[in-house]
Amino acid sequence: MCAECREVSSSCKIAWRHRVDRNTPIQDTVGTLAELVAEGKIRHIGLSEAWVDTIRRAHAVHPVTALQSEYSLWTRDPEPEVLPLLRELGIGVWRVSESRERVSEFPAALPVGTTSVSS
């Protein structure tokens, strides 16, 4: 992770730590990313699929800007624990969902009695 981080170009606005590595303390990873923020190589730090304790430990080292998490009509796992913590710490959510959720491909609303969109 550390060697990869050091290769990031100065145009990087947010560096994501995808899938937290359980063999490396999150404090070490975020500490390395914080050095890159201080050097001006990245602007923000984001985490992906992290849970409450990991988010708290990471945020204690350096402010985390966003959390990327699966959150959809079918998966609402972050609601009871993660979302309140994100509000408390001022961290944004970058919502991702499984490919089965293709809601954006369908019209938001159809007139009553309509079952399809005619072209």
N, C-alpha and C. Protein backbone atom coordinates (compact mmCIF):
# COMPACT_ATOMS: atom_id res chain seq x y z
N MET A 1 0.82 -1.20 0.00
CA MET A 1 0.00 0.00 0.00
C MET A 1 0.86 1.26 0.00
N CYS A 2 1.84 1.32 0.86
CA CYS A 2 2.63 2.53 0.98
C CYS A 2 3.35 2.88 -0.32
N ALA A 3 3.94 1.89 -0.98
CA ALA A 3 4.65 2.15 -2.23
C ALA A 3 3.68 2.64 -3.31
N GLU A 4 2.50 2.05 -3.35
CA GLU A 4 1.49 2.48 -4.33
C GLU A 4 1.07 3.91 -4.06
N CYS A 5 0.87 4.25 -2.80
CA CYS A 5 0.44 5.61 -2.45
C CYS A 5 1.44 6.64 -2.93
N ARG A 6 2.69 6.34 -2.79
CA ARG A 6 3.73 7.31 -3.14
C ARG A 6 3.79 7.60 -4.64
N GLU A 7 3.18 6.74 -5.44
CA GLU A 7 3.18 6.92 -6.88
C GLU A 7 2.03 7.79 -7.38
N VAL A 8 1.14 8.19 -6.49
CA VAL A 8 -0.05 8.95 -6.89
C VAL A 8 0.36 10.31 -7.44
N SER A 9 -0.31 10.72 -8.50
CA SER A 9 0.03 12.01 -9.10
C SER A 9 -0.62 13.15 -8.32
N SER A 10 -0.15 14.36 -8.55
CA SER A 10 -0.65 15.51 -7.82
C SER A 10 -2.07 15.89 -8.23
N SER A 11 -2.58 15.30 -9.29
CA SER A 11 -3.93 15.63 -9.73
C SER A 11 -5.01 14.84 -9.00
N CYS A 12 -4.63 13.95 -8.12
CA CYS A 12 -5.57 13.09 -7.40
C CYS A 12 -6.32 13.91 -6.35
N LYS A 13 -7.64 13.95 -6.48
CA LYS A 13 -8.43 14.72 -5.52
C LYS A 13 -8.77 13.92 -4.27
N ILE A 14 -9.06 12.64 -4.45
CA ILE A 14 -9.35 11.79 -3.30
C ILE A 14 -8.73 10.41 -3.53
N ALA A 15 -8.03 9.94 -2.54
CA ALA A 15 -7.43 8.61 -2.61
C ALA A 15 -8.27 7.68 -1.76
N TRP A 16 -8.74 6.61 -2.35
CA TRP A 16 -9.60 5.65 -1.67
C TRP A 16 -8.80 4.46 -1.18
N ARG A 17 -9.10 4.03 0.01
CA ARG A 17 -8.58 2.75 0.49
C ARG A 17 -9.72 1.77 0.34
N HIS A 18 -9.69 1.02 -0.75
CA HIS A 18 -10.73 0.04 -1.04
C HIS A 18 -10.49 -1.24 -0.25
N ARG A 19 -11.56 -1.81 0.24
CA ARG A 19 -11.49 -3.08 0.98
C ARG A 19 -10.35 -3.06 1.99
N VAL A 20 -10.66 -2.63 3.16
CA VAL A 20 -9.67 -2.49 4.22
C VAL A 20 -8.88 -3.78 4.40
N ASP A 21 -7.56 -3.65 4.41
CA ASP A 21 -6.66 -4.79 4.59
C ASP A 21 -6.57 -5.13 6.08
N ARG A 22 -7.05 -6.29 6.44
CA ARG A 22 -7.08 -6.68 7.86
C ARG A 22 -5.69 -6.97 8.41
N ASN A 23 -4.70 -7.11 7.54
CA ASN A 23 -3.33 -7.38 7.99
C ASN A 23 -2.53 -6.10 8.24
N THR A 24 -3.06 -4.96 7.83
CA THR A 24 -2.39 -3.68 8.02
C THR A 24 -3.29 -2.78 8.85
N PRO A 25 -2.84 -2.30 9.98
CA PRO A 25 -3.68 -1.41 10.77
C PRO A 25 -4.12 -0.19 9.95
N ILE A 26 -5.40 0.15 10.05
CA ILE A 26 -5.92 1.27 9.28
C ILE A 26 -5.19 2.57 9.64
N GLN A 27 -4.70 2.66 10.87
CA GLN A 27 -3.96 3.85 11.27
C GLN A 27 -2.69 4.01 10.44
N ASP A 28 -2.03 2.90 10.09
CA ASP A 28 -0.83 2.97 9.24
C ASP A 28 -1.18 3.43 7.84
N THR A 29 -2.24 2.85 7.29
CA THR A 29 -2.66 3.22 5.94
C THR A 29 -3.05 4.68 5.87
N VAL A 30 -3.88 5.12 6.80
CA VAL A 30 -4.33 6.52 6.79
C VAL A 30 -3.16 7.45 7.12
N GLY A 31 -2.24 7.01 7.95
CA GLY A 31 -1.06 7.82 8.22
C GLY A 31 -0.24 8.07 6.96
N THR A 32 -0.08 7.05 6.14
CA THR A 32 0.63 7.21 4.87
C THR A 32 -0.12 8.15 3.94
N LEU A 33 -1.45 7.96 3.87
CA LEU A 33 -2.25 8.85 3.03
C LEU A 33 -2.21 10.29 3.56
N ALA A 34 -2.18 10.46 4.87
CA ALA A 34 -2.10 11.80 5.46
C ALA A 34 -0.79 12.49 5.07
N GLU A 35 0.29 11.72 4.98
CA GLU A 35 1.56 12.29 4.52
C GLU A 35 1.43 12.82 3.09
N LEU A 36 0.69 12.07 2.26
CA LEU A 36 0.48 12.50 0.88
C LEU A 36 -0.38 13.77 0.81
N VAL A 37 -1.33 13.89 1.73
CA VAL A 37 -2.12 15.12 1.81
C VAL A 37 -1.19 16.28 2.17
N ALA A 38 -0.35 16.08 3.18
CA ALA A 38 0.57 17.12 3.62
C ALA A 38 1.55 17.53 2.51
N GLU A 39 1.92 16.57 1.66
CA GLU A 39 2.83 16.85 0.54
C GLU A 39 2.10 17.46 -0.65
N GLY A 40 0.77 17.52 -0.57
CA GLY A 40 -0.01 18.10 -1.67
C GLY A 40 -0.24 17.15 -2.84
N LYS A 41 0.04 15.88 -2.65
CA LYS A 41 -0.13 14.91 -3.73
C LYS A 41 -1.57 14.43 -3.88
N ILE A 42 -2.30 14.44 -2.79
CA ILE A 42 -3.73 14.14 -2.82
C ILE A 42 -4.43 15.19 -1.97
N ARG A 43 -5.72 15.33 -2.16
CA ARG A 43 -6.45 16.33 -1.37
C ARG A 43 -7.25 15.73 -0.22
N HIS A 44 -7.83 14.55 -0.46
CA HIS A 44 -8.72 13.96 0.53
C HIS A 44 -8.49 12.46 0.64
N ILE A 45 -9.00 11.89 1.75
CA ILE A 45 -8.90 10.46 1.99
C ILE A 45 -10.30 9.87 2.06
N GLY A 46 -10.49 8.76 1.35
CA GLY A 46 -11.76 8.06 1.40
C GLY A 46 -11.55 6.59 1.76
N LEU A 47 -12.54 6.01 2.40
CA LEU A 47 -12.51 4.59 2.74
C LEU A 47 -13.63 3.89 2.00
N SER A 48 -13.48 2.61 1.80
CA SER A 48 -14.51 1.83 1.14
C SER A 48 -14.85 0.62 1.99
N GLU A 49 -16.15 0.39 2.16
CA GLU A 49 -16.66 -0.78 2.89
C GLU A 49 -16.05 -0.93 4.27
N ALA A 50 -15.89 0.17 4.98
CA ALA A 50 -15.37 0.12 6.35
C ALA A 50 -16.53 0.18 7.33
N TRP A 51 -16.32 -0.32 8.53
CA TRP A 51 -17.37 -0.31 9.55
C TRP A 51 -16.98 0.66 10.66
N VAL A 52 -17.83 0.82 11.62
CA VAL A 52 -17.75 1.88 12.63
C VAL A 52 -16.38 1.98 13.31
N ASP A 53 -15.87 0.90 13.86
CA ASP A 53 -14.60 0.98 14.59
C ASP A 53 -13.44 1.37 13.68
N THR A 54 -13.45 0.86 12.46
CA THR A 54 -12.39 1.20 11.49
C THR A 54 -12.48 2.67 11.10
N ILE A 55 -13.68 3.14 10.88
CA ILE A 55 -13.88 4.55 10.50
C ILE A 55 -13.38 5.46 11.63
N ARG A 56 -13.74 5.13 12.87
CA ARG A 56 -13.30 5.95 14.01
C ARG A 56 -11.77 5.98 14.13
N ARG A 57 -11.13 4.81 14.00
CA ARG A 57 -9.66 4.75 14.11
C ARG A 57 -8.99 5.53 12.98
N ALA A 58 -9.53 5.40 11.78
CA ALA A 58 -8.96 6.12 10.63
C ALA A 58 -9.12 7.62 10.79
N HIS A 59 -10.32 8.04 11.19
CA HIS A 59 -10.62 9.47 11.32
C HIS A 59 -9.81 10.12 12.44
N ALA A 60 -9.40 9.33 13.44
CA ALA A 60 -8.56 9.85 14.52
C ALA A 60 -7.17 10.24 14.03
N VAL A 61 -6.71 9.57 12.97
CA VAL A 61 -5.38 9.85 12.41
C VAL A 61 -5.45 11.06 11.48
N HIS A 62 -6.47 11.10 10.62
CA HIS A 62 -6.64 12.19 9.66
C HIS A 62 -8.11 12.21 9.26
N PRO A 63 -8.70 13.39 9.06
CA PRO A 63 -10.11 13.44 8.67
C PRO A 63 -10.38 12.64 7.38
N VAL A 64 -11.36 11.77 7.47
CA VAL A 64 -11.81 11.01 6.31
C VAL A 64 -12.90 11.84 5.64
N THR A 65 -12.81 12.00 4.34
CA THR A 65 -13.76 12.83 3.61
C THR A 65 -15.03 12.07 3.24
N ALA A 66 -14.87 10.82 2.81
CA ALA A 66 -16.04 10.07 2.32
C ALA A 66 -15.87 8.58 2.58
N LEU A 67 -17.02 7.92 2.68
CA LEU A 67 -17.06 6.47 2.79
C LEU A 67 -17.82 5.93 1.60
N GLN A 68 -17.21 5.03 0.88
CA GLN A 68 -17.88 4.34 -0.22
C GLN A 68 -18.48 3.07 0.35
N SER A 69 -19.79 2.92 0.19
CA SER A 69 -20.45 1.79 0.81
C SER A 69 -21.62 1.33 -0.04
N GLU A 70 -21.86 0.03 -0.03
CA GLU A 70 -23.05 -0.47 -0.71
C GLU A 70 -24.26 -0.04 0.10
N TYR A 71 -25.14 0.67 -0.56
CA TYR A 71 -26.34 1.18 0.11
C TYR A 71 -27.39 1.36 -0.97
N SER A 72 -28.45 0.60 -0.88
CA SER A 72 -29.46 0.62 -1.93
C SER A 72 -30.82 0.26 -1.36
N LEU A 73 -31.79 0.12 -2.24
CA LEU A 73 -33.12 -0.30 -1.81
C LEU A 73 -33.07 -1.69 -1.18
N TRP A 74 -32.12 -2.51 -1.62
CA TRP A 74 -32.02 -3.88 -1.15
C TRP A 74 -31.03 -4.05 -0.01
N THR A 75 -30.08 -3.17 0.10
CA THR A 75 -29.03 -3.29 1.12
C THR A 75 -29.00 -2.01 1.94
N ARG A 76 -29.49 -2.11 3.15
CA ARG A 76 -29.56 -0.94 4.02
C ARG A 76 -28.73 -1.13 5.29
N ASP A 77 -27.74 -2.00 5.22
CA ASP A 77 -26.92 -2.34 6.39
C ASP A 77 -26.30 -1.12 7.10
N PRO A 78 -25.84 -0.10 6.36
CA PRO A 78 -25.18 1.02 7.05
C PRO A 78 -26.10 1.89 7.92
N GLU A 79 -27.42 1.78 7.72
CA GLU A 79 -28.33 2.71 8.39
C GLU A 79 -28.22 2.77 9.91
N PRO A 80 -28.29 1.65 10.62
CA PRO A 80 -28.36 1.76 12.08
C PRO A 80 -27.08 2.23 12.76
N GLU A 81 -25.91 1.88 12.22
CA GLU A 81 -24.66 2.20 12.91
C GLU A 81 -23.76 3.17 12.15
N VAL A 82 -23.57 2.92 10.88
CA VAL A 82 -22.59 3.69 10.11
C VAL A 82 -23.09 5.11 9.80
N LEU A 83 -24.30 5.24 9.31
CA LEU A 83 -24.78 6.57 8.92
C LEU A 83 -24.79 7.57 10.07
N PRO A 84 -25.23 7.18 11.29
CA PRO A 84 -25.14 8.15 12.39
C PRO A 84 -23.70 8.58 12.69
N LEU A 85 -22.75 7.64 12.59
CA LEU A 85 -21.35 7.98 12.82
C LEU A 85 -20.85 8.95 11.76
N LEU A 86 -21.21 8.71 10.51
CA LEU A 86 -20.78 9.61 9.43
C LEU A 86 -21.32 11.02 9.65
N ARG A 87 -22.57 11.11 10.09
CA ARG A 87 -23.14 12.43 10.41
C ARG A 87 -22.35 13.09 11.53
N GLU A 88 -22.06 12.32 12.56
CA GLU A 88 -21.31 12.84 13.72
C GLU A 88 -19.95 13.38 13.32
N LEU A 89 -19.25 12.67 12.44
CA LEU A 89 -17.88 13.04 12.06
C LEU A 89 -17.82 13.94 10.83
N GLY A 90 -18.95 14.18 10.19
CA GLY A 90 -18.96 15.04 9.00
C GLY A 90 -18.38 14.37 7.77
N ILE A 91 -18.57 13.07 7.65
CA ILE A 91 -18.06 12.29 6.53
C ILE A 91 -19.19 12.05 5.53
N GLY A 92 -18.91 12.25 4.25
CA GLY A 92 -19.90 12.03 3.21
C GLY A 92 -20.00 10.56 2.81
N VAL A 93 -21.08 10.23 2.11
CA VAL A 93 -21.30 8.86 1.64
C VAL A 93 -21.24 8.84 0.12
N TRP A 94 -20.47 7.93 -0.41
CA TRP A 94 -20.42 7.66 -1.84
C TRP A 94 -21.11 6.33 -2.01
N ARG A 95 -22.37 6.36 -2.42
CA ARG A 95 -23.19 5.16 -2.47
C ARG A 95 -22.86 4.34 -3.71
N VAL A 96 -22.64 3.06 -3.50
CA VAL A 96 -22.49 2.12 -4.61
C VAL A 96 -23.52 1.02 -4.40
N SER A 97 -23.87 0.35 -5.47
CA SER A 97 -24.83 -0.74 -5.34
C SER A 97 -24.47 -1.85 -6.31
N GLU A 98 -25.02 -3.00 -6.06
CA GLU A 98 -24.76 -4.14 -6.93
C GLU A 98 -25.38 -3.89 -8.29
N SER A 99 -24.90 -4.60 -9.29
CA SER A 99 -25.39 -4.40 -10.67
C SER A 99 -26.85 -4.75 -10.83
N ARG A 100 -27.41 -5.53 -9.90
CA ARG A 100 -28.82 -5.88 -10.03
C ARG A 100 -29.73 -4.67 -9.86
N GLU A 101 -29.20 -3.62 -9.23
CA GLU A 101 -30.00 -2.42 -9.05
C GLU A 101 -29.80 -1.50 -10.25
N ARG A 102 -30.72 -1.51 -11.14
CA ARG A 102 -30.65 -0.71 -12.35
C ARG A 102 -31.79 0.31 -12.37
N VAL A 103 -32.12 0.82 -11.22
CA VAL A 103 -33.25 1.74 -11.10
C VAL A 103 -33.07 2.95 -12.01
N SER A 104 -31.86 3.43 -12.16
CA SER A 104 -31.64 4.63 -12.96
C SER A 104 -31.96 4.41 -14.44
N GLU A 105 -32.03 3.16 -14.87
CA GLU A 105 -32.35 2.89 -16.27
C GLU A 105 -33.84 2.97 -16.55
N PHE A 106 -34.66 3.04 -15.51
CA PHE A 106 -36.10 3.07 -15.67
C PHE A 106 -36.63 4.46 -15.37
N PRO A 107 -37.76 4.83 -15.97
CA PRO A 107 -38.33 6.14 -15.67
C PRO A 107 -38.63 6.28 -14.18
N ALA A 108 -38.44 7.46 -13.66
CA ALA A 108 -38.71 7.69 -12.24
C ALA A 108 -40.18 7.50 -11.92
N ALA A 109 -41.04 7.88 -12.83
CA ALA A 109 -42.48 7.72 -12.60
C ALA A 109 -43.18 7.61 -13.95
N LEU A 110 -44.19 6.81 -13.99
CA LEU A 110 -45.03 6.67 -15.18
C LEU A 110 -46.43 7.14 -14.83
N PRO A 111 -47.14 7.70 -15.77
CA PRO A 111 -48.52 8.09 -15.48
C PRO A 111 -49.33 6.88 -15.04
N VAL A 112 -50.31 7.09 -14.17
CA VAL A 112 -51.15 6.02 -13.66
C VAL A 112 -51.75 5.26 -14.83
N GLY A 113 -51.70 3.92 -14.74
CA GLY A 113 -52.26 3.07 -15.80
C GLY A 113 -51.30 2.76 -16.91
N THR A 114 -50.11 3.38 -16.92
CA THR A 114 -49.13 3.14 -17.96
C THR A 114 -48.18 2.04 -17.51
N THR A 115 -47.91 1.08 -18.37
CA THR A 115 -47.00 0.01 -18.00
C THR A 115 -45.67 0.07 -18.76
N SER A 116 -45.57 0.92 -19.76
CA SER A 116 -44.31 1.06 -20.49
C SER A 116 -44.22 2.45 -21.08
N VAL A 117 -43.03 2.78 -21.51
CA VAL A 117 -42.79 4.07 -22.13
C VAL A 117 -42.79 3.88 -23.63
N SER A 118 -43.61 4.62 -24.34
CA SER A 118 -43.60 4.52 -25.82
C SER A 118 -42.64 5.55 -26.36
N SER A 119 -41.99 5.22 -27.47
CA SER A 119 -41.00 6.15 -28.01
C SER A 119 -41.59 7.04 -29.07
